[in-house]
Amino acid sequence: MFYERYLKLCAEKGISPSSAAINAGFNKGTVSVWKKKYESGTDVVPEQDVINKICAYFKCSEQWVRGIRQKETPTPVSESGRNIIKIAGRDGSFVERHVTDEQAAIFKSMLDQMKPVDDDSI
């Protein structure tokens, strides 16, 4: 499953899997190992640092690359190309933090699990 998704990302970007590996910052020989294992019926899951590089290069979610999600959902990115978390205070102030894709996914997951709060109860 992973290797198929990696190939799909490469095809969508119009780049060879080996070139994508080099551009993303990992060894292109790794892709050959993935291909051989895939062709023998074994799916591979790369080390976390390689997953992080793939997600950063292709701007995709780790959950999709790993096969946890069936459909790719893009991670919100600011115009500067970075994720920004803004926390608003009651007094109108806010705190702004730049976070990694993985941190943004964790925040989103936490928020998705929280029940909505009625404005009158605050």
PDB file of N, CA and C in Angstrom:
ATOM      1  N   MET A   1       0.822  -1.191   0.000  1.00  0.00           N
ATOM      2  CA  MET A   1       0.000   0.000   0.000  1.00  0.00           C
ATOM      3  C   MET A   1       0.871   1.262   0.000  1.00  0.00           C
ATOM      4  N   PHE A   2       1.918   1.292   0.877  1.00  0.00           N
ATOM      5  CA  PHE A   2       2.764   2.481   0.934  1.00  0.00           C
ATOM      6  C   PHE A   2       3.409   2.757  -0.418  1.00  0.00           C
ATOM      7  N   TYR A   3       4.010   1.728  -0.999  1.00  0.00           N
ATOM      8  CA  TYR A   3       4.727   1.929  -2.254  1.00  0.00           C
ATOM      9  C   TYR A   3       3.789   2.424  -3.352  1.00  0.00           C
ATOM     10  N   GLU A   4       2.573   1.910  -3.393  1.00  0.00           N
ATOM     11  CA  GLU A   4       1.587   2.364  -4.379  1.00  0.00           C
ATOM     12  C   GLU A   4       1.274   3.848  -4.187  1.00  0.00           C
ATOM     13  N   ARG A   5       1.148   4.248  -2.949  1.00  0.00           N
ATOM     14  CA  ARG A   5       0.857   5.662  -2.671  1.00  0.00           C
ATOM     15  C   ARG A   5       2.052   6.545  -3.030  1.00  0.00           C
ATOM     16  N   TYR A   6       3.248   6.048  -2.759  1.00  0.00           N
ATOM     17  CA  TYR A   6       4.450   6.798  -3.133  1.00  0.00           C
ATOM     18  C   TYR A   6       4.510   6.981  -4.643  1.00  0.00           C
ATOM     19  N   LEU A   7       4.228   5.910  -5.388  1.00  0.00           N
ATOM     20  CA  LEU A   7       4.217   6.010  -6.858  1.00  0.00           C
ATOM     21  C   LEU A   7       3.155   6.998  -7.337  1.00  0.00           C
ATOM     22  N   LYS A   8       2.006   6.997  -6.684  1.00  0.00           N
ATOM     23  CA  LYS A   8       0.936   7.926  -7.058  1.00  0.00           C
ATOM     24  C   LYS A   8       1.378   9.374  -6.843  1.00  0.00           C
ATOM     25  N   LEU A   9       2.019   9.638  -5.715  1.00  0.00           N
ATOM     26  CA  LEU A   9       2.520  10.991  -5.441  1.00  0.00           C
ATOM     27  C   LEU A   9       3.519  11.427  -6.508  1.00  0.00           C
ATOM     28  N   CYS A  10       4.421  10.522  -6.876  1.00  0.00           N
ATOM     29  CA  CYS A  10       5.431  10.823  -7.894  1.00  0.00           C
ATOM     30  C   CYS A  10       4.768  11.115  -9.244  1.00  0.00           C
ATOM     31  N   ALA A  11       3.785  10.285  -9.619  1.00  0.00           N
ATOM     32  CA  ALA A  11       3.094  10.464 -10.897  1.00  0.00           C
ATOM     33  C   ALA A  11       2.351  11.795 -10.935  1.00  0.00           C
ATOM     34  N   GLU A  12       1.692  12.143  -9.833  1.00  0.00           N
ATOM     35  CA  GLU A  12       0.954  13.406  -9.776  1.00  0.00           C
ATOM     36  C   GLU A  12       1.879  14.607  -9.910  1.00  0.00           C
ATOM     37  N   LYS A  13       3.110  14.458  -9.420  1.00  0.00           N
ATOM     38  CA  LYS A  13       4.078  15.550  -9.508  1.00  0.00           C
ATOM     39  C   LYS A  13       4.869  15.485 -10.815  1.00  0.00           C
ATOM     40  N   GLY A  14       4.707  14.371 -11.565  1.00  0.00           N
ATOM     41  CA  GLY A  14       5.411  14.225 -12.829  1.00  0.00           C
ATOM     42  C   GLY A  14       6.902  14.023 -12.660  1.00  0.00           C
ATOM     43  N   ILE A  15       7.281  13.246 -11.662  1.00  0.00           N
ATOM     44  CA  ILE A  15       8.688  13.035 -11.352  1.00  0.00           C
ATOM     45  C   ILE A  15       8.919  11.541 -11.098  1.00  0.00           C
ATOM     46  N   SER A  16      10.107  11.070 -11.402  1.00  0.00           N
ATOM     47  CA  SER A  16      10.411   9.656 -11.168  1.00  0.00           C
ATOM     48  C   SER A  16      10.558   9.410  -9.664  1.00  0.00           C
ATOM     49  N   PRO A  17      10.278   8.186  -9.209  1.00  0.00           N
ATOM     50  CA  PRO A  17      10.439   7.873  -7.789  1.00  0.00           C
ATOM     51  C   PRO A  17      11.860   8.121  -7.273  1.00  0.00           C
ATOM     52  N   SER A  18      12.872   7.828  -8.095  1.00  0.00           N
ATOM     53  CA  SER A  18      14.263   8.059  -7.679  1.00  0.00           C
ATOM     54  C   SER A  18      14.562   9.545  -7.547  1.00  0.00           C
ATOM     55  N   SER A  19      14.093  10.341  -8.508  1.00  0.00           N
ATOM     56  CA  SER A  19      14.307  11.791  -8.437  1.00  0.00           C
ATOM     57  C   SER A  19      13.590  12.395  -7.242  1.00  0.00           C
ATOM     58  N   ALA A  20      12.394  11.898  -6.971  1.00  0.00           N
ATOM     59  CA  ALA A  20      11.648  12.389  -5.813  1.00  0.00           C
ATOM     60  C   ALA A  20      12.402  12.097  -4.525  1.00  0.00           C
ATOM     61  N   ALA A  21      12.996  10.912  -4.438  1.00  0.00           N
ATOM     62  CA  ALA A  21      13.776  10.547  -3.250  1.00  0.00           C
ATOM     63  C   ALA A  21      14.927  11.527  -3.044  1.00  0.00           C
ATOM     64  N   ILE A  22      15.661  11.793  -4.107  1.00  0.00           N
ATOM     65  CA  ILE A  22      16.795  12.724  -4.014  1.00  0.00           C
ATOM     66  C   ILE A  22      16.306  14.113  -3.610  1.00  0.00           C
ATOM     67  N   ASN A  23      15.246  14.583  -4.264  1.00  0.00           N
ATOM     68  CA  ASN A  23      14.704  15.911  -3.957  1.00  0.00           C
ATOM     69  C   ASN A  23      14.167  16.006  -2.534  1.00  0.00           C
ATOM     70  N   ALA A  24      13.598  14.903  -2.042  1.00  0.00           N
ATOM     71  CA  ALA A  24      13.039  14.893  -0.686  1.00  0.00           C
ATOM     72  C   ALA A  24      14.126  14.748   0.377  1.00  0.00           C
ATOM     73  N   GLY A  25      15.299  14.258  -0.034  1.00  0.00           N
ATOM     74  CA  GLY A  25      16.423  14.194   0.901  1.00  0.00           C
ATOM     75  C   GLY A  25      16.727  12.819   1.473  1.00  0.00           C
ATOM     76  N   PHE A  26      16.361  11.768   0.748  1.00  0.00           N
ATOM     77  CA  PHE A  26      16.767  10.441   1.183  1.00  0.00           C
ATOM     78  C   PHE A  26      17.329   9.670  -0.003  1.00  0.00           C
ATOM     79  N   ASN A  27      17.967   8.536   0.265  1.00  0.00           N
ATOM     80  CA  ASN A  27      18.702   7.768  -0.728  1.00  0.00           C
ATOM     81  C   ASN A  27      17.779   7.154  -1.773  1.00  0.00           C
ATOM     82  N   LYS A  28      18.102   7.357  -3.046  1.00  0.00           N
ATOM     83  CA  LYS A  28      17.267   6.801  -4.113  1.00  0.00           C
ATOM     84  C   LYS A  28      17.313   5.285  -4.146  1.00  0.00           C
ATOM     85  N   GLY A  29      18.373   4.682  -3.588  1.00  0.00           N
ATOM     86  CA  GLY A  29      18.464   3.231  -3.491  1.00  0.00           C
ATOM     87  C   GLY A  29      17.360   2.650  -2.611  1.00  0.00           C
ATOM     88  N   THR A  30      16.883   3.460  -1.679  1.00  0.00           N
ATOM     89  CA  THR A  30      15.782   3.048  -0.815  1.00  0.00           C
ATOM     90  C   THR A  30      14.555   2.707  -1.643  1.00  0.00           C
ATOM     91  N   VAL A  31      14.307   3.489  -2.687  1.00  0.00           N
ATOM     92  CA  VAL A  31      13.151   3.266  -3.552  1.00  0.00           C
ATOM     93  C   VAL A  31      13.272   1.924  -4.262  1.00  0.00           C
ATOM     94  N   SER A  32      14.482   1.562  -4.662  1.00  0.00           N
ATOM     95  CA  SER A  32      14.705   0.253  -5.305  1.00  0.00           C
ATOM     96  C   SER A  32      14.370  -0.891  -4.360  1.00  0.00           C
ATOM     97  N   VAL A  33      14.731  -0.736  -3.098  1.00  0.00           N
ATOM     98  CA  VAL A  33      14.411  -1.752  -2.092  1.00  0.00           C
ATOM     99  C   VAL A  33      12.897  -1.865  -1.939  1.00  0.00           C
ATOM    100  N   TRP A  34      12.210  -0.708  -1.863  1.00  0.00           N
ATOM    101  CA  TRP A  34      10.745  -0.718  -1.751  1.00  0.00           C
ATOM    102  C   TRP A  34      10.124  -1.451  -2.934  1.00  0.00           C
ATOM    103  N   LYS A  35      10.633  -1.149  -4.137  1.00  0.00           N
ATOM    104  CA  LYS A  35      10.077  -1.755  -5.352  1.00  0.00           C
ATOM    105  C   LYS A  35      10.258  -3.276  -5.339  1.00  0.00           C
ATOM    106  N   LYS A  36      11.449  -3.734  -4.989  1.00  0.00           N
ATOM    107  CA  LYS A  36      11.711  -5.174  -4.958  1.00  0.00           C
ATOM    108  C   LYS A  36      10.806  -5.876  -3.943  1.00  0.00           C
ATOM    109  N   LYS A  37      10.658  -5.277  -2.771  1.00  0.00           N
ATOM    110  CA  LYS A  37       9.796  -5.865  -1.753  1.00  0.00           C
ATOM    111  C   LYS A  37       8.338  -5.855  -2.217  1.00  0.00           C
ATOM    112  N   TYR A  38       7.917  -4.764  -2.836  1.00  0.00           N
ATOM    113  CA  TYR A  38       6.549  -4.658  -3.335  1.00  0.00           C
ATOM    114  C   TYR A  38       6.273  -5.734  -4.388  1.00  0.00           C
ATOM    115  N   GLU A  39       7.208  -5.902  -5.303  1.00  0.00           N
ATOM    116  CA  GLU A  39       7.048  -6.894  -6.366  1.00  0.00           C
ATOM    117  C   GLU A  39       7.042  -8.321  -5.823  1.00  0.00           C
ATOM    118  N   SER A  40       7.651  -8.533  -4.652  1.00  0.00           N
ATOM    119  CA  SER A  40       7.640  -9.872  -4.040  1.00  0.00           C
ATOM    120  C   SER A  40       6.432 -10.064  -3.126  1.00  0.00           C
ATOM    121  N   GLY A  41       5.561  -9.036  -3.059  1.00  0.00           N
ATOM    122  CA  GLY A  41       4.338  -9.155  -2.266  1.00  0.00           C
ATOM    123  C   GLY A  41       4.429  -8.632  -0.851  1.00  0.00           C
ATOM    124  N   THR A  42       5.527  -7.975  -0.515  1.00  0.00           N
ATOM    125  CA  THR A  42       5.715  -7.420   0.822  1.00  0.00           C
ATOM    126  C   THR A  42       5.615  -5.903   0.763  1.00  0.00           C
ATOM    127  N   ASP A  43       4.714  -5.356   1.555  1.00  0.00           N
ATOM    128  CA  ASP A  43       4.628  -3.900   1.617  1.00  0.00           C
ATOM    129  C   ASP A  43       5.612  -3.405   2.666  1.00  0.00           C
ATOM    130  N   VAL A  44       6.175  -2.261   2.432  1.00  0.00           N
ATOM    131  CA  VAL A  44       7.137  -1.685   3.371  1.00  0.00           C
ATOM    132  C   VAL A  44       6.551  -0.440   4.004  1.00  0.00           C
ATOM    133  N   VAL A  45       7.068  -0.128   5.181  1.00  0.00           N
ATOM    134  CA  VAL A  45       6.752   1.137   5.826  1.00  0.00           C
ATOM    135  C   VAL A  45       8.091   1.743   6.224  1.00  0.00           C
ATOM    136  N   PRO A  46       8.445   2.870   5.621  1.00  0.00           N
ATOM    137  CA  PRO A  46       9.750   3.483   5.900  1.00  0.00           C
ATOM    138  C   PRO A  46       9.877   3.973   7.338  1.00  0.00           C
ATOM    139  N   GLU A  47      11.099   4.277   7.703  1.00  0.00           N
ATOM    140  CA  GLU A  47      11.380   4.893   8.998  1.00  0.00           C
ATOM    141  C   GLU A  47      10.678   6.253   9.066  1.00  0.00           C
ATOM    142  N   GLN A  48      10.417   6.720  10.276  1.00  0.00           N
ATOM    143  CA  GLN A  48       9.679   7.964  10.480  1.00  0.00           C
ATOM    144  C   GLN A  48      10.348   9.155   9.799  1.00  0.00           C
ATOM    145  N   ASP A  49      11.690   9.233   9.833  1.00  0.00           N
ATOM    146  CA  ASP A  49      12.357  10.385   9.211  1.00  0.00           C
ATOM    147  C   ASP A  49      12.125  10.416   7.702  1.00  0.00           C
ATOM    148  N   VAL A  50      12.045   9.251   7.061  1.00  0.00           N
ATOM    149  CA  VAL A  50      11.779   9.205   5.621  1.00  0.00           C
ATOM    150  C   VAL A  50      10.325   9.588   5.351  1.00  0.00           C
ATOM    151  N   ILE A  51       9.415   9.096   6.177  1.00  0.00           N
ATOM    152  CA  ILE A  51       8.000   9.481   6.046  1.00  0.00           C
ATOM    153  C   ILE A  51       7.871  11.000   6.154  1.00  0.00           C
ATOM    154  N   ASN A  52       8.547  11.583   7.127  1.00  0.00           N
ATOM    155  CA  ASN A  52       8.492  13.045   7.313  1.00  0.00           C
ATOM    156  C   ASN A  52       8.996  13.782   6.072  1.00  0.00           C
ATOM    157  N   LYS A  53      10.077  13.282   5.479  1.00  0.00           N
ATOM    158  CA  LYS A  53      10.634  13.916   4.282  1.00  0.00           C
ATOM    159  C   LYS A  53       9.679  13.793   3.097  1.00  0.00           C
ATOM    160  N   ILE A  54       9.048  12.642   2.965  1.00  0.00           N
ATOM    161  CA  ILE A  54       8.078  12.438   1.879  1.00  0.00           C
ATOM    162  C   ILE A  54       6.899  13.391   2.043  1.00  0.00           C
ATOM    163  N   CYS A  55       6.372  13.474   3.254  1.00  0.00           N
ATOM    164  CA  CYS A  55       5.220  14.345   3.515  1.00  0.00           C
ATOM    165  C   CYS A  55       5.564  15.815   3.281  1.00  0.00           C
ATOM    166  N   ALA A  56       6.749  16.214   3.695  1.00  0.00           N
ATOM    167  CA  ALA A  56       7.159  17.604   3.491  1.00  0.00           C
ATOM    168  C   ALA A  56       7.347  17.899   2.003  1.00  0.00           C
ATOM    169  N   TYR A  57       7.969  16.990   1.285  1.00  0.00           N
ATOM    170  CA  TYR A  57       8.236  17.213  -0.134  1.00  0.00           C
ATOM    171  C   TYR A  57       6.941  17.246  -0.954  1.00  0.00           C
ATOM    172  N   PHE A  58       6.063  16.287  -0.701  1.00  0.00           N
ATOM    173  CA  PHE A  58       4.827  16.209  -1.481  1.00  0.00           C
ATOM    174  C   PHE A  58       3.677  17.004  -0.869  1.00  0.00           C
ATOM    175  N   LYS A  59       3.896  17.574   0.313  1.00  0.00           N
ATOM    176  CA  LYS A  59       2.856  18.325   1.015  1.00  0.00           C
ATOM    177  C   LYS A  59       1.585  17.473   1.183  1.00  0.00           C
ATOM    178  N   CYS A  60       1.781  16.295   1.763  1.00  0.00           N
ATOM    179  CA  CYS A  60       0.665  15.374   1.987  1.00  0.00           C
ATOM    180  C   CYS A  60       0.678  14.943   3.452  1.00  0.00           C
ATOM    181  N   SER A  61      -0.413  14.347   3.877  1.00  0.00           N
ATOM    182  CA  SER A  61      -0.523  13.938   5.277  1.00  0.00           C
ATOM    183  C   SER A  61       0.129  12.582   5.510  1.00  0.00           C
ATOM    184  N   GLU A  62       0.704  12.446   6.679  1.00  0.00           N
ATOM    185  CA  GLU A  62       1.314  11.179   7.063  1.00  0.00           C
ATOM    186  C   GLU A  62       0.268  10.071   7.114  1.00  0.00           C
ATOM    187  N   GLN A  63      -0.934  10.394   7.578  1.00  0.00           N
ATOM    188  CA  GLN A  63      -1.994   9.395   7.673  1.00  0.00           C
ATOM    189  C   GLN A  63      -2.322   8.813   6.301  1.00  0.00           C
ATOM    190  N   TRP A  64      -2.324   9.634   5.267  1.00  0.00           N
ATOM    191  CA  TRP A  64      -2.610   9.137   3.926  1.00  0.00           C
ATOM    192  C   TRP A  64      -1.456   8.279   3.414  1.00  0.00           C
ATOM    193  N   VAL A  65      -0.235   8.744   3.597  1.00  0.00           N
ATOM    194  CA  VAL A  65       0.931   7.997   3.122  1.00  0.00           C
ATOM    195  C   VAL A  65       0.991   6.620   3.790  1.00  0.00           C
ATOM    196  N   ARG A  66       0.684   6.566   5.066  1.00  0.00           N
ATOM    197  CA  ARG A  66       0.733   5.307   5.804  1.00  0.00           C
ATOM    198  C   ARG A  66      -0.478   4.421   5.536  1.00  0.00           C
ATOM    199  N   GLY A  67      -1.496   4.947   4.856  1.00  0.00           N
ATOM    200  CA  GLY A  67      -2.679   4.143   4.567  1.00  0.00           C
ATOM    201  C   GLY A  67      -3.716   4.175   5.669  1.00  0.00           C
ATOM    202  N   ILE A  68      -3.577   5.094   6.616  1.00  0.00           N
ATOM    203  CA  ILE A  68      -4.545   5.212   7.710  1.00  0.00           C
ATOM    204  C   ILE A  68      -5.826   5.860   7.197  1.00  0.00           C
ATOM    205  N   ARG A  69      -5.677   6.821   6.303  1.00  0.00           N
ATOM    206  CA  ARG A  69      -6.830   7.485   5.684  1.00  0.00           C
ATOM    207  C   ARG A  69      -6.959   6.996   4.252  1.00  0.00           C
ATOM    208  N   GLN A  70      -8.196   6.807   3.812  1.00  0.00           N
ATOM    209  CA  GLN A  70      -8.432   6.348   2.449  1.00  0.00           C
ATOM    210  C   GLN A  70      -8.281   7.474   1.439  1.00  0.00           C
ATOM    211  N   LYS A  71      -8.702   8.662   1.817  1.00  0.00           N
ATOM    212  CA  LYS A  71      -8.604   9.802   0.908  1.00  0.00           C
ATOM    213  C   LYS A  71      -7.625  10.803   1.487  1.00  0.00           C
ATOM    214  N   GLU A  72      -6.877  11.403   0.610  1.00  0.00           N
ATOM    215  CA  GLU A  72      -5.913  12.394   1.054  1.00  0.00           C
ATOM    216  C   GLU A  72      -6.640  13.681   1.408  1.00  0.00           C
ATOM    217  N   THR A  73      -6.342  14.206   2.590  1.00  0.00           N
ATOM    218  CA  THR A  73      -6.870  15.494   2.995  1.00  0.00           C
ATOM    219  C   THR A  73      -5.686  16.414   3.228  1.00  0.00           C
ATOM    220  N   PRO A  74      -5.590  17.478   2.465  1.00  0.00           N
ATOM    221  CA  PRO A  74      -4.425  18.349   2.616  1.00  0.00           C
ATOM    222  C   PRO A  74      -4.389  19.019   3.980  1.00  0.00           C
ATOM    223  N   THR A  75      -3.195  19.171   4.485  1.00  0.00           N
ATOM    224  CA  THR A  75      -2.996  19.877   5.740  1.00  0.00           C
ATOM    225  C   THR A  75      -3.059  21.372   5.460  1.00  0.00           C
ATOM    226  N   PRO A  76      -3.837  22.130   6.266  1.00  0.00           N
ATOM    227  CA  PRO A  76      -3.898  23.568   6.023  1.00  0.00           C
ATOM    228  C   PRO A  76      -2.515  24.202   6.130  1.00  0.00           C
ATOM    229  N   VAL A  77      -2.173  25.019   5.172  1.00  0.00           N
ATOM    230  CA  VAL A  77      -0.870  25.668   5.157  1.00  0.00           C
ATOM    231  C   VAL A  77      -1.085  27.159   4.952  1.00  0.00           C
ATOM    232  N   SER A  78      -0.340  27.960   5.672  1.00  0.00           N
ATOM    233  CA  SER A  78      -0.453  29.403   5.530  1.00  0.00           C
ATOM    234  C   SER A  78       0.191  29.844   4.225  1.00  0.00           C
ATOM    235  N   GLU A  79       0.024  31.099   3.885  1.00  0.00           N
ATOM    236  CA  GLU A  79       0.613  31.616   2.651  1.00  0.00           C
ATOM    237  C   GLU A  79       2.133  31.555   2.681  1.00  0.00           C
ATOM    238  N   SER A  80       2.708  31.541   3.880  1.00  0.00           N
ATOM    239  CA  SER A  80       4.161  31.466   3.983  1.00  0.00           C
ATOM    240  C   SER A  80       4.665  30.043   3.795  1.00  0.00           C
ATOM    241  N   GLY A  81       3.732  29.083   3.625  1.00  0.00           N
ATOM    242  CA  GLY A  81       4.121  27.697   3.443  1.00  0.00           C
ATOM    243  C   GLY A  81       4.297  26.952   4.753  1.00  0.00           C
ATOM    244  N   ARG A  82       3.883  27.566   5.858  1.00  0.00           N
ATOM    245  CA  ARG A  82       4.012  26.920   7.162  1.00  0.00           C
ATOM    246  C   ARG A  82       2.650  26.823   7.824  1.00  0.00           C
ATOM    247  N   ASN A  83       2.495  25.812   8.682  1.00  0.00           N
ATOM    248  CA  ASN A  83       1.278  25.689   9.477  1.00  0.00           C
ATOM    249  C   ASN A  83       1.338  26.702  10.611  1.00  0.00           C
ATOM    250  N   ILE A  84       0.220  27.346  10.858  1.00  0.00           N
ATOM    251  CA  ILE A  84       0.155  28.320  11.944  1.00  0.00           C
ATOM    252  C   ILE A  84      -1.028  27.973  12.828  1.00  0.00           C
ATOM    253  N   ILE A  85      -0.779  27.884  14.120  1.00  0.00           N
ATOM    254  CA  ILE A  85      -1.837  27.679  15.098  1.00  0.00           C
ATOM    255  C   ILE A  85      -2.045  29.019  15.792  1.00  0.00           C
ATOM    256  N   LYS A  86      -3.294  29.495  15.810  1.00  0.00           N
ATOM    257  CA  LYS A  86      -3.617  30.745  16.492  1.00  0.00           C
ATOM    258  C   LYS A  86      -4.581  30.433  17.629  1.00  0.00           C
ATOM    259  N   ILE A  87      -4.248  30.906  18.816  1.00  0.00           N
ATOM    260  CA  ILE A  87      -5.102  30.708  19.978  1.00  0.00           C
ATOM    261  C   ILE A  87      -5.576  32.085  20.424  1.00  0.00           C
ATOM    262  N   ALA A  88      -6.899  32.283  20.365  1.00  0.00           N
ATOM    263  CA  ALA A  88      -7.486  33.579  20.714  1.00  0.00           C
ATOM    264  C   ALA A  88      -7.808  33.627  22.199  1.00  0.00           C
ATOM    265  N   GLY A  89      -7.480  34.743  22.816  1.00  0.00           N
ATOM    266  CA  GLY A  89      -7.821  34.955  24.225  1.00  0.00           C
ATOM    267  C   GLY A  89      -9.149  35.678  24.344  1.00  0.00           C
ATOM    268  N   ARG A  90      -9.737  35.653  25.505  1.00  0.00           N
ATOM    269  CA  ARG A  90     -11.028  36.322  25.730  1.00  0.00           C
ATOM    270  C   ARG A  90     -10.934  37.833  25.557  1.00  0.00           C
ATOM    271  N   ASP A  91      -9.746  38.367  25.775  1.00  0.00           N
ATOM    272  CA  ASP A  91      -9.564  39.813  25.674  1.00  0.00           C
ATOM    273  C   ASP A  91      -9.279  40.289  24.247  1.00  0.00           C
ATOM    274  N   GLY A  92      -9.368  39.381  23.287  1.00  0.00           N
ATOM    275  CA  GLY A  92      -9.121  39.747  21.891  1.00  0.00           C
ATOM    276  C   GLY A  92      -7.684  39.536  21.452  1.00  0.00           C
ATOM    277  N   SER A  93      -6.813  39.202  22.391  1.00  0.00           N
ATOM    278  CA  SER A  93      -5.423  38.925  22.036  1.00  0.00           C
ATOM    279  C   SER A  93      -5.334  37.509  21.473  1.00  0.00           C
ATOM    280  N   PHE A  94      -4.206  37.212  20.847  1.00  0.00           N
ATOM    281  CA  PHE A  94      -3.992  35.845  20.388  1.00  0.00           C
ATOM    282  C   PHE A  94      -2.508  35.526  20.379  1.00  0.00           C
ATOM    283  N   VAL A  95      -2.240  34.233  20.439  1.00  0.00           N
ATOM    284  CA  VAL A  95      -0.885  33.716  20.365  1.00  0.00           C
ATOM    285  C   VAL A  95      -0.786  32.944  19.062  1.00  0.00           C
ATOM    286  N   GLU A  96       0.276  33.178  18.325  1.00  0.00           N
ATOM    287  CA  GLU A  96       0.473  32.521  17.040  1.00  0.00           C
ATOM    288  C   GLU A  96       1.744  31.683  17.104  1.00  0.00           C
ATOM    289  N   ARG A  97       1.642  30.409  16.685  1.00  0.00           N
ATOM    290  CA  ARG A  97       2.805  29.525  16.691  1.00  0.00           C
ATOM    291  C   ARG A  97       2.905  28.794  15.369  1.00  0.00           C
ATOM    292  N   HIS A  98       4.103  28.671  14.857  1.00  0.00           N
ATOM    293  CA  HIS A  98       4.356  27.836  13.687  1.00  0.00           C
ATOM    294  C   HIS A  98       4.560  26.418  14.188  1.00  0.00           C
ATOM    295  N   VAL A  99       3.931  25.444  13.520  1.00  0.00           N
ATOM    296  CA  VAL A  99       4.044  24.049  13.934  1.00  0.00           C
ATOM    297  C   VAL A  99       4.325  23.169  12.723  1.00  0.00           C
ATOM    298  N   THR A 100       4.842  21.976  12.982  1.00  0.00           N
ATOM    299  CA  THR A 100       5.112  21.026  11.907  1.00  0.00           C
ATOM    300  C   THR A 100       3.806  20.418  11.405  1.00  0.00           C
ATOM    301  N   ASP A 101       3.851  19.734  10.270  1.00  0.00           N
ATOM    302  CA  ASP A 101       2.669  19.051   9.755  1.00  0.00           C
ATOM    303  C   ASP A 101       2.159  18.030  10.765  1.00  0.00           C
ATOM    304  N   GLU A 102       3.077  17.316  11.402  1.00  0.00           N
ATOM    305  CA  GLU A 102       2.690  16.298  12.379  1.00  0.00           C
ATOM    306  C   GLU A 102       1.994  16.943  13.581  1.00  0.00           C
ATOM    307  N   GLN A 103       2.523  18.067  14.082  1.00  0.00           N
ATOM    308  CA  GLN A 103       1.903  18.760  15.207  1.00  0.00           C
ATOM    309  C   GLN A 103       0.519  19.289  14.820  1.00  0.00           C
ATOM    310  N   ALA A 104       0.390  19.825  13.613  1.00  0.00           N
ATOM    311  CA  ALA A 104      -0.905  20.328  13.153  1.00  0.00           C
ATOM    312  C   ALA A 104      -1.920  19.195  13.077  1.00  0.00           C
ATOM    313  N   ALA A 105      -1.484  18.026  12.607  1.00  0.00           N
ATOM    314  CA  ALA A 105      -2.384  16.871  12.530  1.00  0.00           C
ATOM    315  C   ALA A 105      -2.830  16.442  13.921  1.00  0.00           C
ATOM    316  N   ILE A 106      -1.932  16.513  14.896  1.00  0.00           N
ATOM    317  CA  ILE A 106      -2.282  16.152  16.278  1.00  0.00           C
ATOM    318  C   ILE A 106      -3.317  17.138  16.821  1.00  0.00           C
ATOM    319  N   PHE A 107      -3.092  18.442  16.616  1.00  0.00           N
ATOM    320  CA  PHE A 107      -4.055  19.449  17.071  1.00  0.00           C
ATOM    321  C   PHE A 107      -5.419  19.226  16.421  1.00  0.00           C
ATOM    322  N   LYS A 108      -5.427  18.964  15.115  1.00  0.00           N
ATOM    323  CA  LYS A 108      -6.681  18.747  14.409  1.00  0.00           C
ATOM    324  C   LYS A 108      -7.401  17.528  14.956  1.00  0.00           C
ATOM    325  N   SER A 109      -6.667  16.464  15.213  1.00  0.00           N
ATOM    326  CA  SER A 109      -7.253  15.245  15.765  1.00  0.00           C
ATOM    327  C   SER A 109      -7.873  15.515  17.138  1.00  0.00           C
ATOM    328  N   MET A 110      -7.166  16.282  17.955  1.00  0.00           N
ATOM    329  CA  MET A 110      -7.702  16.620  19.279  1.00  0.00           C
ATOM    330  C   MET A 110      -8.972  17.446  19.160  1.00  0.00           C
ATOM    331  N   LEU A 111      -8.973  18.435  18.277  1.00  0.00           N
ATOM    332  CA  LEU A 111     -10.144  19.283  18.108  1.00  0.00           C
ATOM    333  C   LEU A 111     -11.336  18.500  17.564  1.00  0.00           C
ATOM    334  N   ASP A 112     -11.062  17.568  16.660  1.00  0.00           N
ATOM    335  CA  ASP A 112     -12.136  16.749  16.098  1.00  0.00           C
ATOM    336  C   ASP A 112     -12.808  15.897  17.166  1.00  0.00           C
ATOM    337  N   GLN A 113     -12.080  15.557  18.220  1.00  0.00           N
ATOM    338  CA  GLN A 113     -12.618  14.707  19.279  1.00  0.00           C
ATOM    339  C   GLN A 113     -13.379  15.491  20.344  1.00  0.00           C
ATOM    340  N   MET A 114     -13.222  16.813  20.346  1.00  0.00           N
ATOM    341  CA  MET A 114     -13.878  17.640  21.365  1.00  0.00           C
ATOM    342  C   MET A 114     -15.320  17.927  20.974  1.00  0.00           C
ATOM    343  N   LYS A 115     -16.181  17.929  21.991  1.00  0.00           N
ATOM    344  CA  LYS A 115     -17.579  18.273  21.755  1.00  0.00           C
ATOM    345  C   LYS A 115     -17.682  19.798  21.609  1.00  0.00           C
ATOM    346  N   PRO A 116     -18.576  20.259  20.711  1.00  0.00           N
ATOM    347  CA  PRO A 116     -18.775  21.702  20.593  1.00  0.00           C
ATOM    348  C   PRO A 116     -19.307  22.293  21.907  1.00  0.00           C
ATOM    349  N   VAL A 117     -18.872  23.497  22.208  1.00  0.00           N
ATOM    350  CA  VAL A 117     -19.315  24.175  23.431  1.00  0.00           C
ATOM    351  C   VAL A 117     -20.305  25.245  23.043  1.00  0.00           C
ATOM    352  N   ASP A 118     -21.421  25.287  23.757  1.00  0.00           N
ATOM    353  CA  ASP A 118     -22.436  26.306  23.542  1.00  0.00           C
ATOM    354  C   ASP A 118     -21.880  27.646  24.023  1.00  0.00           C
ATOM    355  N   ASP A 119     -21.996  28.693  23.220  1.00  0.00           N
ATOM    356  CA  ASP A 119     -21.439  30.002  23.586  1.00  0.00           C
ATOM    357  C   ASP A 119     -21.991  30.525  24.908  1.00  0.00           C
ATOM    358  N   ASP A 120     -23.210  30.165  25.269  1.00  0.00           N
ATOM    359  CA  ASP A 120     -23.813  30.643  26.516  1.00  0.00           C
ATOM    360  C   ASP A 120     -23.181  30.017  27.759  1.00  0.00           C
ATOM    361  N   SER A 121     -22.514  28.871  27.579  1.00  0.00           N
ATOM    362  CA  SER A 121     -21.932  28.182  28.734  1.00  0.00           C
ATOM    363  C   SER A 121     -20.514  28.633  29.038  1.00  0.00           C
ATOM    364  N   ILE A 122     -19.967  29.515  28.232  1.00  0.00           N
ATOM    365  CA  ILE A 122     -18.578  29.969  28.428  1.00  0.00           C
ATOM    366  C   ILE A 122     -18.537  31.121  29.383  1.00  0.00           C
TER     367      ILE A 122
END
